[in-house]
Structure formats: structure tokens, C-alpha cells
Amino acid sequence: MPQSKHRRKGHNRPRAYQTAPPAKNPTPSAPWVPAVGVGLLVAGVLVILLAYLPFLQDLLASAPPFYGNWGLVVGFVMLLAGFVFLTRWR
């Protein structure tokens, strides 16, 4: 039986499923990224707590970020921004 033409002696080409993808080395993030992320998390929790402490509600009621439920909104936005920063940390 004759051999197929695509077979060549000594030239075995690796198949796509046999080759591993090249290793990627991610670049490390700047040193300020984790500090800003943790700082935003802590600040977000503090904003939420300060907005709802009974003895501070009267004092902070006139401050712009704490009108009504805006303290909760600002705190959660800061928490979300902190999580986004920490997911970018390498």
C-alpha cells in the first residue's frame, strides 16, 4: 500500500493539542495599587458606619455625602472601587 504524501521522514510536526501555550509573565502592579484598594475598603466601611451612628447623624445630616441614604451609596461605591483595585493587584 502506498504511503500518503503528507508524511515526511524525520519531520514530525507537533499537533495543536500536543503543544502547550507559551507561558505569560504578567507584569507586577505598582506598589500603590494594594494600598489604595485597602484604603478605599476601609474608608467605605467608615463612611457607612459614620452615616448611621445615632450620635453622629445629627452632626452629619448637613454634610453633602450624608443626605438621606447617600452615605450608604457613597460607602458602597467606595467598597466597589476598593474591590476593583484589589482585583488588578498582581
PDB file of N, CA and C in Angstrom:
ATOM      1  N   MET A   1       0.854  -1.159   0.000  1.00  0.00           N
ATOM      2  CA  MET A   1       0.000   0.000   0.000  1.00  0.00           C
ATOM      3  C   MET A   1       0.909   1.233   0.000  1.00  0.00           C
ATOM      4  N   PRO A   2       0.641   2.202  -0.823  1.00  0.00           N
ATOM      5  CA  PRO A   2       1.489   3.397  -0.883  1.00  0.00           C
ATOM      6  C   PRO A   2       1.250   4.313   0.321  1.00  0.00           C
ATOM      7  N   GLN A   3       2.321   5.051   0.687  1.00  0.00           N
ATOM      8  CA  GLN A   3       2.217   5.991   1.796  1.00  0.00           C
ATOM      9  C   GLN A   3       1.585   7.304   1.333  1.00  0.00           C
ATOM     10  N   SER A   4       0.976   7.982   2.285  1.00  0.00           N
ATOM     11  CA  SER A   4       0.390   9.282   1.973  1.00  0.00           C
ATOM     12  C   SER A   4       1.495  10.299   1.704  1.00  0.00           C
ATOM     13  N   LYS A   5       1.176  11.327   0.934  1.00  0.00           N
ATOM     14  CA  LYS A   5       2.182  12.330   0.585  1.00  0.00           C
ATOM     15  C   LYS A   5       2.522  13.257   1.746  1.00  0.00           C
ATOM     16  N   HIS A   6       1.631  13.407   2.722  1.00  0.00           N
ATOM     17  CA  HIS A   6       1.896  14.351   3.794  1.00  0.00           C
ATOM     18  C   HIS A   6       2.895  13.825   4.818  1.00  0.00           C
ATOM     19  N   ARG A   7       3.252  12.559   4.747  1.00  0.00           N
ATOM     20  CA  ARG A   7       4.231  12.008   5.675  1.00  0.00           C
ATOM     21  C   ARG A   7       5.624  12.272   5.140  1.00  0.00           C
ATOM     22  N   ARG A   8       6.430  12.894   5.987  1.00  0.00           N
ATOM     23  CA  ARG A   8       7.806  13.170   5.611  1.00  0.00           C
ATOM     24  C   ARG A   8       8.715  12.535   6.647  1.00  0.00           C
ATOM     25  N   LYS A   9       9.790  11.961   6.221  1.00  0.00           N
ATOM     26  CA  LYS A   9      10.699  11.287   7.139  1.00  0.00           C
ATOM     27  C   LYS A   9      11.451  12.320   7.968  1.00  0.00           C
ATOM     28  N   GLY A  10      11.431  12.146   9.314  1.00  0.00           N
ATOM     29  CA  GLY A  10      12.204  12.989  10.203  1.00  0.00           C
ATOM     30  C   GLY A  10      11.582  14.344  10.506  1.00  0.00           C
ATOM     31  N   HIS A  11      10.459  14.676   9.917  1.00  0.00           N
ATOM     32  CA  HIS A  11       9.820  15.969  10.156  1.00  0.00           C
ATOM     33  C   HIS A  11       8.460  15.759  10.788  1.00  0.00           C
ATOM     34  N   ASN A  12       8.461  15.431  12.061  1.00  0.00           N
ATOM     35  CA  ASN A  12       7.206  15.255  12.775  1.00  0.00           C
ATOM     36  C   ASN A  12       6.757  16.613  13.315  1.00  0.00           C
ATOM     37  N   ARG A  13       5.670  17.072  12.818  1.00  0.00           N
ATOM     38  CA  ARG A  13       5.124  18.353  13.254  1.00  0.00           C
ATOM     39  C   ARG A  13       4.208  18.117  14.449  1.00  0.00           C
ATOM     40  N   PRO A  14       4.382  18.869  15.550  1.00  0.00           N
ATOM     41  CA  PRO A  14       3.502  18.667  16.702  1.00  0.00           C
ATOM     42  C   PRO A  14       2.086  19.145  16.381  1.00  0.00           C
ATOM     43  N   ARG A  15       1.142  18.403  16.856  1.00  0.00           N
ATOM     44  CA  ARG A  15      -0.263  18.749  16.639  1.00  0.00           C
ATOM     45  C   ARG A  15      -0.681  19.861  17.598  1.00  0.00           C
ATOM     46  N   ALA A  16      -1.784  20.511  17.294  1.00  0.00           N
ATOM     47  CA  ALA A  16      -2.242  21.637  18.093  1.00  0.00           C
ATOM     48  C   ALA A  16      -2.594  21.204  19.514  1.00  0.00           C
ATOM     49  N   TYR A  17      -3.125  20.020  19.692  1.00  0.00           N
ATOM     50  CA  TYR A  17      -3.497  19.565  21.020  1.00  0.00           C
ATOM     51  C   TYR A  17      -2.289  19.096  21.817  1.00  0.00           C
ATOM     52  N   GLN A  18      -1.137  18.910  21.167  1.00  0.00           N
ATOM     53  CA  GLN A  18       0.056  18.444  21.854  1.00  0.00           C
ATOM     54  C   GLN A  18       0.941  19.600  22.335  1.00  0.00           C
ATOM     55  N   THR A  19       0.765  20.772  21.793  1.00  0.00           N
ATOM     56  CA  THR A  19       1.621  21.886  22.173  1.00  0.00           C
ATOM     57  C   THR A  19       0.977  22.689  23.289  1.00  0.00           C
ATOM     58  N   ALA A  20       1.786  23.104  24.222  1.00  0.00           N
ATOM     59  CA  ALA A  20       1.311  23.933  25.330  1.00  0.00           C
ATOM     60  C   ALA A  20       1.403  25.399  24.916  1.00  0.00           C
ATOM     61  N   PRO A  21       0.465  26.210  25.359  1.00  0.00           N
ATOM     62  CA  PRO A  21       0.560  27.636  25.022  1.00  0.00           C
ATOM     63  C   PRO A  21       1.772  28.259  25.712  1.00  0.00           C
ATOM     64  N   PRO A  22       2.338  29.284  25.134  1.00  0.00           N
ATOM     65  CA  PRO A  22       3.515  29.906  25.762  1.00  0.00           C
ATOM     66  C   PRO A  22       3.151  30.521  27.108  1.00  0.00           C
ATOM     67  N   ALA A  23       4.069  30.423  28.038  1.00  0.00           N
ATOM     68  CA  ALA A  23       3.826  30.949  29.383  1.00  0.00           C
ATOM     69  C   ALA A  23       3.826  32.472  29.339  1.00  0.00           C
ATOM     70  N   LYS A  24       2.829  33.069  29.976  1.00  0.00           N
ATOM     71  CA  LYS A  24       2.741  34.523  30.025  1.00  0.00           C
ATOM     72  C   LYS A  24       3.181  34.986  31.409  1.00  0.00           C
ATOM     73  N   ASN A  25       4.054  35.941  31.430  1.00  0.00           N
ATOM     74  CA  ASN A  25       4.509  36.511  32.693  1.00  0.00           C
ATOM     75  C   ASN A  25       3.830  37.859  32.874  1.00  0.00           C
ATOM     76  N   PRO A  26       2.819  37.938  33.748  1.00  0.00           N
ATOM     77  CA  PRO A  26       2.140  39.220  33.924  1.00  0.00           C
ATOM     78  C   PRO A  26       3.068  40.219  34.610  1.00  0.00           C
ATOM     79  N   THR A  27       2.922  41.460  34.197  1.00  0.00           N
ATOM     80  CA  THR A  27       3.742  42.490  34.823  1.00  0.00           C
ATOM     81  C   THR A  27       3.195  42.798  36.214  1.00  0.00           C
ATOM     82  N   PRO A  28       4.070  42.980  37.176  1.00  0.00           N
ATOM     83  CA  PRO A  28       3.581  43.278  38.532  1.00  0.00           C
ATOM     84  C   PRO A  28       2.957  44.673  38.576  1.00  0.00           C
ATOM     85  N   SER A  29       1.985  44.835  39.447  1.00  0.00           N
ATOM     86  CA  SER A  29       1.318  46.119  39.574  1.00  0.00           C
ATOM     87  C   SER A  29       2.168  47.074  40.404  1.00  0.00           C
ATOM     88  N   ALA A  30       1.807  48.326  40.316  1.00  0.00           N
ATOM     89  CA  ALA A  30       2.531  49.349  41.072  1.00  0.00           C
ATOM     90  C   ALA A  30       2.296  49.133  42.570  1.00  0.00           C
ATOM     91  N   PRO A  31       3.229  49.567  43.406  1.00  0.00           N
ATOM     92  CA  PRO A  31       3.068  49.325  44.847  1.00  0.00           C
ATOM     93  C   PRO A  31       1.925  50.112  45.481  1.00  0.00           C
ATOM     94  N   TRP A  32       1.424  51.131  44.813  1.00  0.00           N
ATOM     95  CA  TRP A  32       0.335  51.917  45.389  1.00  0.00           C
ATOM     96  C   TRP A  32      -1.030  51.264  45.173  1.00  0.00           C
ATOM     97  N   VAL A  33      -1.136  50.287  44.295  1.00  0.00           N
ATOM     98  CA  VAL A  33      -2.436  49.672  43.988  1.00  0.00           C
ATOM     99  C   VAL A  33      -3.041  48.970  45.206  1.00  0.00           C
ATOM    100  N   PRO A  34      -2.316  48.095  45.929  1.00  0.00           N
ATOM    101  CA  PRO A  34      -2.948  47.474  47.101  1.00  0.00           C
ATOM    102  C   PRO A  34      -3.228  48.476  48.213  1.00  0.00           C
ATOM    103  N   ALA A  35      -2.380  49.487  48.349  1.00  0.00           N
ATOM    104  CA  ALA A  35      -2.610  50.479  49.402  1.00  0.00           C
ATOM    105  C   ALA A  35      -3.886  51.271  49.136  1.00  0.00           C
ATOM    106  N   VAL A  36      -4.100  51.658  47.876  1.00  0.00           N
ATOM    107  CA  VAL A  36      -5.316  52.400  47.537  1.00  0.00           C
ATOM    108  C   VAL A  36      -6.542  51.498  47.680  1.00  0.00           C
ATOM    109  N   GLY A  37      -6.428  50.243  47.271  1.00  0.00           N
ATOM    110  CA  GLY A  37      -7.553  49.314  47.380  1.00  0.00           C
ATOM    111  C   GLY A  37      -7.985  49.091  48.818  1.00  0.00           C
ATOM    112  N   VAL A  38      -7.022  48.826  49.687  1.00  0.00           N
ATOM    113  CA  VAL A  38      -7.349  48.606  51.104  1.00  0.00           C
ATOM    114  C   VAL A  38      -7.850  49.896  51.732  1.00  0.00           C
ATOM    115  N   GLY A  39      -7.249  51.022  51.352  1.00  0.00           N
ATOM    116  CA  GLY A  39      -7.705  52.307  51.870  1.00  0.00           C
ATOM    117  C   GLY A  39      -9.141  52.606  51.484  1.00  0.00           C
ATOM    118  N   LEU A  40      -9.516  52.293  50.243  1.00  0.00           N
ATOM    119  CA  LEU A  40     -10.902  52.503  49.811  1.00  0.00           C
ATOM    120  C   LEU A  40     -11.864  51.574  50.549  1.00  0.00           C
ATOM    121  N   LEU A  41     -11.447  50.346  50.805  1.00  0.00           N
ATOM    122  CA  LEU A  41     -12.305  49.428  51.559  1.00  0.00           C
ATOM    123  C   LEU A  41     -12.548  49.944  52.974  1.00  0.00           C
ATOM    124  N   VAL A  42     -11.483  50.356  53.626  1.00  0.00           N
ATOM    125  CA  VAL A  42     -11.612  50.856  54.993  1.00  0.00           C
ATOM    126  C   VAL A  42     -12.431  52.140  55.020  1.00  0.00           C
ATOM    127  N   ALA A  43     -12.170  53.044  54.086  1.00  0.00           N
ATOM    128  CA  ALA A  43     -12.902  54.306  54.037  1.00  0.00           C
ATOM    129  C   ALA A  43     -14.385  54.065  53.745  1.00  0.00           C
ATOM    130  N   GLY A  44     -14.695  53.108  52.883  1.00  0.00           N
ATOM    131  CA  GLY A  44     -16.093  52.790  52.584  1.00  0.00           C
ATOM    132  C   GLY A  44     -16.836  52.283  53.802  1.00  0.00           C
ATOM    133  N   VAL A  45     -16.195  51.414  54.562  1.00  0.00           N
ATOM    134  CA  VAL A  45     -16.823  50.903  55.783  1.00  0.00           C
ATOM    135  C   VAL A  45     -17.008  52.031  56.793  1.00  0.00           C
ATOM    136  N   LEU A  46     -16.011  52.897  56.916  1.00  0.00           N
ATOM    137  CA  LEU A  46     -16.127  54.021  57.847  1.00  0.00           C
ATOM    138  C   LEU A  46     -17.240  54.984  57.446  1.00  0.00           C
ATOM    139  N   VAL A  47     -17.372  55.249  56.151  1.00  0.00           N
ATOM    140  CA  VAL A  47     -18.447  56.148  55.694  1.00  0.00           C
ATOM    141  C   VAL A  47     -19.802  55.546  56.016  1.00  0.00           C
ATOM    142  N   ILE A  48     -19.961  54.260  55.790  1.00  0.00           N
ATOM    143  CA  ILE A  48     -21.245  53.612  56.089  1.00  0.00           C
ATOM    144  C   ILE A  48     -21.520  53.651  57.589  1.00  0.00           C
ATOM    145  N   LEU A  49     -20.521  53.351  58.400  1.00  0.00           N
ATOM    146  CA  LEU A  49     -20.722  53.363  59.849  1.00  0.00           C
ATOM    147  C   LEU A  49     -20.999  54.769  60.377  1.00  0.00           C
ATOM    148  N   LEU A  50     -20.247  55.746  59.898  1.00  0.00           N
ATOM    149  CA  LEU A  50     -20.436  57.115  60.383  1.00  0.00           C
ATOM    150  C   LEU A  50     -21.780  57.694  59.973  1.00  0.00           C
ATOM    151  N   ALA A  51     -22.285  57.267  58.843  1.00  0.00           N
ATOM    152  CA  ALA A  51     -23.565  57.797  58.381  1.00  0.00           C
ATOM    153  C   ALA A  51     -24.724  57.283  59.224  1.00  0.00           C
ATOM    154  N   TYR A  52     -24.537  56.174  59.912  1.00  0.00           N
ATOM    155  CA  TYR A  52     -25.663  55.566  60.619  1.00  0.00           C
ATOM    156  C   TYR A  52     -25.460  55.438  62.125  1.00  0.00           C
ATOM    157  N   LEU A  53     -24.424  56.033  62.676  1.00  0.00           N
ATOM    158  CA  LEU A  53     -24.279  56.058  64.123  1.00  0.00           C
ATOM    159  C   LEU A  53     -25.239  57.107  64.690  1.00  0.00           C
ATOM    160  N   PRO A  54     -26.022  56.759  65.693  1.00  0.00           N
ATOM    161  CA  PRO A  54     -27.074  57.671  66.173  1.00  0.00           C
ATOM    162  C   PRO A  54     -26.547  59.010  66.673  1.00  0.00           C
ATOM    163  N   PHE A  55     -25.431  59.022  67.390  1.00  0.00           N
ATOM    164  CA  PHE A  55     -24.957  60.283  67.939  1.00  0.00           C
ATOM    165  C   PHE A  55     -24.281  61.170  66.892  1.00  0.00           C
ATOM    166  N   LEU A  56     -23.963  60.619  65.719  1.00  0.00           N
ATOM    167  CA  LEU A  56     -23.360  61.423  64.656  1.00  0.00           C
ATOM    168  C   LEU A  56     -24.345  61.796  63.559  1.00  0.00           C
ATOM    169  N   GLN A  57     -25.525  61.230  63.571  1.00  0.00           N
ATOM    170  CA  GLN A  57     -26.484  61.509  62.497  1.00  0.00           C
ATOM    171  C   GLN A  57     -26.884  62.974  62.462  1.00  0.00           C
ATOM    172  N   ASP A  58     -27.073  63.584  63.626  1.00  0.00           N
ATOM    173  CA  ASP A  58     -27.462  64.995  63.654  1.00  0.00           C
ATOM    174  C   ASP A  58     -26.324  65.892  63.177  1.00  0.00           C
ATOM    175  N   LEU A  59     -25.109  65.555  63.540  1.00  0.00           N
ATOM    176  CA  LEU A  59     -23.963  66.358  63.110  1.00  0.00           C
ATOM    177  C   LEU A  59     -23.707  66.236  61.610  1.00  0.00           C
ATOM    178  N   LEU A  60     -23.838  65.039  61.093  1.00  0.00           N
ATOM    179  CA  LEU A  60     -23.502  64.792  59.697  1.00  0.00           C
ATOM    180  C   LEU A  60     -24.677  64.963  58.745  1.00  0.00           C
ATOM    181  N   ALA A  61     -25.846  65.259  59.260  1.00  0.00           N
ATOM    182  CA  ALA A  61     -27.022  65.371  58.396  1.00  0.00           C
ATOM    183  C   ALA A  61     -26.890  66.525  57.413  1.00  0.00           C
ATOM    184  N   SER A  62     -26.103  67.524  57.754  1.00  0.00           N
ATOM    185  CA  SER A  62     -25.946  68.668  56.858  1.00  0.00           C
ATOM    186  C   SER A  62     -24.778  68.492  55.887  1.00  0.00           C
ATOM    187  N   ALA A  63     -23.948  67.485  56.079  1.00  0.00           N
ATOM    188  CA  ALA A  63     -22.821  67.256  55.176  1.00  0.00           C
ATOM    189  C   ALA A  63     -23.332  66.635  53.880  1.00  0.00           C
ATOM    190  N   PRO A  64     -22.856  67.108  52.717  1.00  0.00           N
ATOM    191  CA  PRO A  64     -23.396  66.649  51.429  1.00  0.00           C
ATOM    192  C   PRO A  64     -23.381  65.151  51.192  1.00  0.00           C
ATOM    193  N   PRO A  65     -22.344  64.398  51.556  1.00  0.00           N
ATOM    194  CA  PRO A  65     -22.413  62.971  51.217  1.00  0.00           C
ATOM    195  C   PRO A  65     -23.354  62.165  52.104  1.00  0.00           C
ATOM    196  N   PHE A  66     -23.941  62.779  53.122  1.00  0.00           N
ATOM    197  CA  PHE A  66     -24.745  62.010  54.064  1.00  0.00           C
ATOM    198  C   PHE A  66     -26.226  62.374  54.054  1.00  0.00           C
ATOM    199  N   TYR A  67     -26.705  63.123  53.073  1.00  0.00           N
ATOM    200  CA  TYR A  67     -28.145  63.420  52.987  1.00  0.00           C
ATOM    201  C   TYR A  67     -28.907  62.113  52.808  1.00  0.00           C
ATOM    202  N   GLY A  68     -29.881  61.877  53.612  1.00  0.00           N
ATOM    203  CA  GLY A  68     -30.728  60.686  53.460  1.00  0.00           C
ATOM    204  C   GLY A  68     -29.904  59.414  53.475  1.00  0.00           C
ATOM    205  N   ASN A  69     -29.985  58.659  52.400  1.00  0.00           N
ATOM    206  CA  ASN A  69     -29.244  57.401  52.289  1.00  0.00           C
ATOM    207  C   ASN A  69     -27.990  57.528  51.437  1.00  0.00           C
ATOM    208  N   TRP A  70     -27.556  58.737  51.168  1.00  0.00           N
ATOM    209  CA  TRP A  70     -26.378  58.907  50.321  1.00  0.00           C
ATOM    210  C   TRP A  70     -25.111  58.396  50.995  1.00  0.00           C
ATOM    211  N   GLY A  71     -25.078  58.370  52.307  1.00  0.00           N
ATOM    212  CA  GLY A  71     -23.921  57.795  52.996  1.00  0.00           C
ATOM    213  C   GLY A  71     -23.741  56.328  52.657  1.00  0.00           C
ATOM    214  N   LEU A  72     -24.844  55.636  52.563  1.00  0.00           N
ATOM    215  CA  LEU A  72     -24.799  54.227  52.186  1.00  0.00           C
ATOM    216  C   LEU A  72     -24.326  54.065  50.738  1.00  0.00           C
ATOM    217  N   VAL A  73     -24.832  54.912  49.866  1.00  0.00           N
ATOM    218  CA  VAL A  73     -24.441  54.840  48.444  1.00  0.00           C
ATOM    219  C   VAL A  73     -22.956  55.154  48.290  1.00  0.00           C
ATOM    220  N   VAL A  74     -22.500  56.229  48.927  1.00  0.00           N
ATOM    221  CA  VAL A  74     -21.089  56.603  48.818  1.00  0.00           C
ATOM    222  C   VAL A  74     -20.197  55.501  49.406  1.00  0.00           C
ATOM    223  N   GLY A  75     -20.604  54.930  50.516  1.00  0.00           N
ATOM    224  CA  GLY A  75     -19.822  53.851  51.123  1.00  0.00           C
ATOM    225  C   GLY A  75     -19.723  52.631  50.229  1.00  0.00           C
ATOM    226  N   PHE A  76     -20.831  52.239  49.618  1.00  0.00           N
ATOM    227  CA  PHE A  76     -20.786  51.074  48.731  1.00  0.00           C
ATOM    228  C   PHE A  76     -19.996  51.346  47.459  1.00  0.00           C
ATOM    229  N   VAL A  77     -20.047  52.554  46.955  1.00  0.00           N
ATOM    230  CA  VAL A  77     -19.232  52.895  45.779  1.00  0.00           C
ATOM    231  C   VAL A  77     -17.753  52.828  46.133  1.00  0.00           C
ATOM    232  N   MET A  78     -17.406  53.291  47.322  1.00  0.00           N
ATOM    233  CA  MET A  78     -16.008  53.197  47.751  1.00  0.00           C
ATOM    234  C   MET A  78     -15.579  51.744  47.947  1.00  0.00           C
ATOM    235  N   LEU A  79     -16.464  50.924  48.490  1.00  0.00           N
ATOM    236  CA  LEU A  79     -16.160  49.497  48.629  1.00  0.00           C
ATOM    237  C   LEU A  79     -15.969  48.841  47.266  1.00  0.00           C
ATOM    238  N   LEU A  80     -16.829  49.162  46.321  1.00  0.00           N
ATOM    239  CA  LEU A  80     -16.721  48.603  44.973  1.00  0.00           C
ATOM    240  C   LEU A  80     -15.417  49.035  44.317  1.00  0.00           C
ATOM    241  N   ALA A  81     -15.064  50.306  44.456  1.00  0.00           N
ATOM    242  CA  ALA A  81     -13.804  50.786  43.885  1.00  0.00           C
ATOM    243  C   ALA A  81     -12.611  50.085  44.536  1.00  0.00           C
ATOM    244  N   GLY A  82     -12.680  49.833  45.832  1.00  0.00           N
ATOM    245  CA  GLY A  82     -11.602  49.110  46.509  1.00  0.00           C
ATOM    246  C   GLY A  82     -11.457  47.684  46.000  1.00  0.00           C
ATOM    247  N   PHE A  83     -12.585  47.009  45.792  1.00  0.00           N
ATOM    248  CA  PHE A  83     -12.522  45.649  45.234  1.00  0.00           C
ATOM    249  C   PHE A  83     -11.976  45.649  43.815  1.00  0.00           C
ATOM    250  N   VAL A  84     -12.326  46.653  43.021  1.00  0.00           N
ATOM    251  CA  VAL A  84     -11.797  46.742  41.652  1.00  0.00           C
ATOM    252  C   VAL A  84     -10.286  46.939  41.695  1.00  0.00           C
ATOM    253  N   PHE A  85      -9.809  47.796  42.569  1.00  0.00           N
ATOM    254  CA  PHE A  85      -8.366  47.987  42.684  1.00  0.00           C
ATOM    255  C   PHE A  85      -7.676  46.696  43.108  1.00  0.00           C
ATOM    256  N   LEU A  86      -8.266  45.962  44.036  1.00  0.00           N
ATOM    257  CA  LEU A  86      -7.613  44.748  44.522  1.00  0.00           C
ATOM    258  C   LEU A  86      -7.663  43.614  43.505  1.00  0.00           C
ATOM    259  N   THR A  87      -8.625  43.628  42.590  1.00  0.00           N
ATOM    260  CA  THR A  87      -8.621  42.602  41.547  1.00  0.00           C
ATOM    261  C   THR A  87      -7.562  42.880  40.495  1.00  0.00           C
ATOM    262  N   ARG A  88      -7.072  44.108  40.418  1.00  0.00           N
ATOM    263  CA  ARG A  88      -5.998  44.461  39.480  1.00  0.00           C
ATOM    264  C   ARG A  88      -4.612  44.226  40.065  1.00  0.00           C
ATOM    265  N   TRP A  89      -4.552  43.832  41.328  1.00  0.00           N
ATOM    266  CA  TRP A  89      -3.277  43.649  42.019  1.00  0.00           C
ATOM    267  C   TRP A  89      -2.633  42.335  41.620  1.00  0.00           C
ATOM    268  N   ARG A  90      -1.352  42.407  41.233  1.00  0.00           N
ATOM    269  CA  ARG A  90      -0.606  41.181  40.874  1.00  0.00           C
ATOM    270  C   ARG A  90       0.645  41.091  41.695  1.00  0.00           C
TER     271      ARG A  90
END
